[in-house]
Protein backbone atom coordinates (compact mmCIF):
# COMPACT_ATOMS: atom_id res chain seq x y z
CA MET A 1 -2.71 -0.73 -12.84
CA PRO A 2 -5.64 1.43 -14.00
CA ASP A 3 -5.29 4.41 -16.30
CA TYR A 4 -6.47 7.91 -15.45
CA TRP A 5 -7.36 10.76 -17.79
CA VAL A 6 -5.90 13.96 -16.37
CA LYS A 7 -7.30 17.24 -17.66
CA ILE A 8 -5.13 20.27 -17.01
CA THR A 9 -6.06 23.92 -17.51
CA GLU A 10 -3.35 26.47 -18.25
CA LYS A 11 -4.29 30.14 -17.97
CA GLU A 12 -2.19 33.07 -19.13
CA GLU A 13 -3.88 36.48 -19.13
CA ASP A 14 -7.07 35.98 -21.22
CA GLU A 15 -5.85 32.80 -22.91
CA ILE A 16 -6.92 29.36 -21.70
CA ARG A 17 -5.29 26.16 -22.93
CA ARG A 18 -6.54 22.71 -22.08
CA HIS A 19 -4.20 19.72 -21.95
CA HIS A 20 -5.02 16.02 -21.70
CA TYR A 21 -2.68 13.38 -20.29
CA LEU A 22 -2.89 9.68 -19.52
CA VAL A 23 -1.45 8.48 -16.20
CA SER A 24 -1.12 4.89 -15.00
CA ALA A 25 -1.45 4.72 -11.22
CA ARG A 26 -2.68 2.45 -8.43
CA ASP A 27 -5.56 4.80 -7.61
CA VAL A 28 -6.87 8.32 -8.19
CA LYS A 29 -4.85 9.66 -5.25
CA GLU A 30 -1.60 8.46 -6.80
CA ALA A 31 -2.68 9.77 -10.23
CA ARG A 32 -3.28 13.21 -8.68
CA LYS A 33 0.15 13.11 -6.99
CA VAL A 34 1.89 12.22 -10.29
CA ALA A 35 -0.05 14.92 -12.17
CA SER A 36 0.74 17.50 -9.50
CA GLU A 37 4.47 16.74 -9.71
CA PHE A 38 4.25 17.02 -13.51
CA ILE A 39 2.54 20.42 -13.21
CA ARG A 40 5.21 21.62 -10.78
CA HIS A 41 7.71 21.36 -13.68
CA PHE A 42 5.31 22.61 -16.38
CA CYS A 43 7.26 25.83 -16.95
CA ASP A 44 10.92 24.85 -16.84
CA GLU A 45 12.21 28.42 -16.59
CA ASP A 46 10.46 29.05 -13.23
CA ASP A 47 12.47 27.25 -10.56
CA GLU A 48 10.14 28.20 -7.71
CA PRO A 49 6.49 27.91 -8.71
CA GLU A 50 3.89 28.96 -6.15
CA ALA A 51 1.54 26.22 -4.95
CA ILE A 52 -2.13 27.12 -5.50
CA ASP A 53 -5.33 25.13 -5.13
CA GLY A 54 -5.08 22.18 -7.54
CA GLY A 55 -1.83 23.24 -9.18
CA PHE A 56 0.89 25.84 -9.43
CA ALA A 57 1.35 29.48 -10.44
CA PHE A 58 4.38 30.53 -12.46
CA TYR A 59 6.09 33.85 -13.15
CA ASN A 60 4.47 35.74 -10.23
CA ARG A 61 1.01 34.34 -11.06
CA ALA A 62 1.20 35.36 -14.73
CA VAL A 63 0.56 31.70 -15.64
CA THR A 64 -1.52 29.23 -13.61
CA VAL A 65 -1.68 25.51 -14.31
CA GLN A 66 -4.26 23.41 -12.47
CA ILE A 67 -5.76 19.95 -12.54
CA SER A 68 -9.33 20.44 -13.74
CA ASP A 69 -10.39 16.77 -13.70
CA ILE A 70 -9.10 13.24 -13.16
CA ARG A 71 -11.13 10.18 -14.05
CA GLU A 72 -10.48 6.53 -14.65
CA THR A 73 -10.35 5.58 -18.31
CA THR A 74 -8.85 3.10 -20.75
CA LYS A 75 -6.03 3.61 -23.22
CA GLU A 76 -8.54 2.93 -26.02
CA GLU A 77 -11.00 5.57 -24.84
CA PHE A 78 -8.17 8.11 -24.45
CA LYS A 79 -6.75 7.27 -27.87
CA ASP A 80 -10.21 7.62 -29.49
CA PHE A 81 -10.58 11.07 -27.93
CA LEU A 82 -7.18 12.19 -29.21
CA LEU A 83 -7.94 10.88 -32.70
CA LYS A 84 -11.22 12.82 -32.78
CA LEU A 85 -9.51 15.94 -31.47
CA HIS A 86 -6.69 15.83 -34.02
CA THR A 87 -8.52 14.53 -37.11
CA ILE A 88 -9.72 16.86 -39.82
CA GLN A 89 -13.02 15.82 -41.37
CA TRP A 90 -13.24 17.47 -44.77
CA LYS A 91 -16.68 17.48 -46.40
């Protein structure tokens, strides 16, 4: 089963947070379905999120969480990205 890199954008007022997840799925359609179900439960305290284009809105649209991109990748490529993102290069 191929791996898919799912990029999710979370917006709350003027703050934007970007999240990256790895999903194993048969195809991009299934990866989108899995990611969408994950987003539906992104904010546990909101039991009834509102469906919006590409994601869900929580707390009366105070927070929106949407899929910004899905692309096929490898675990190695994804791991390399995370290592670069979370590694401090000092001098």
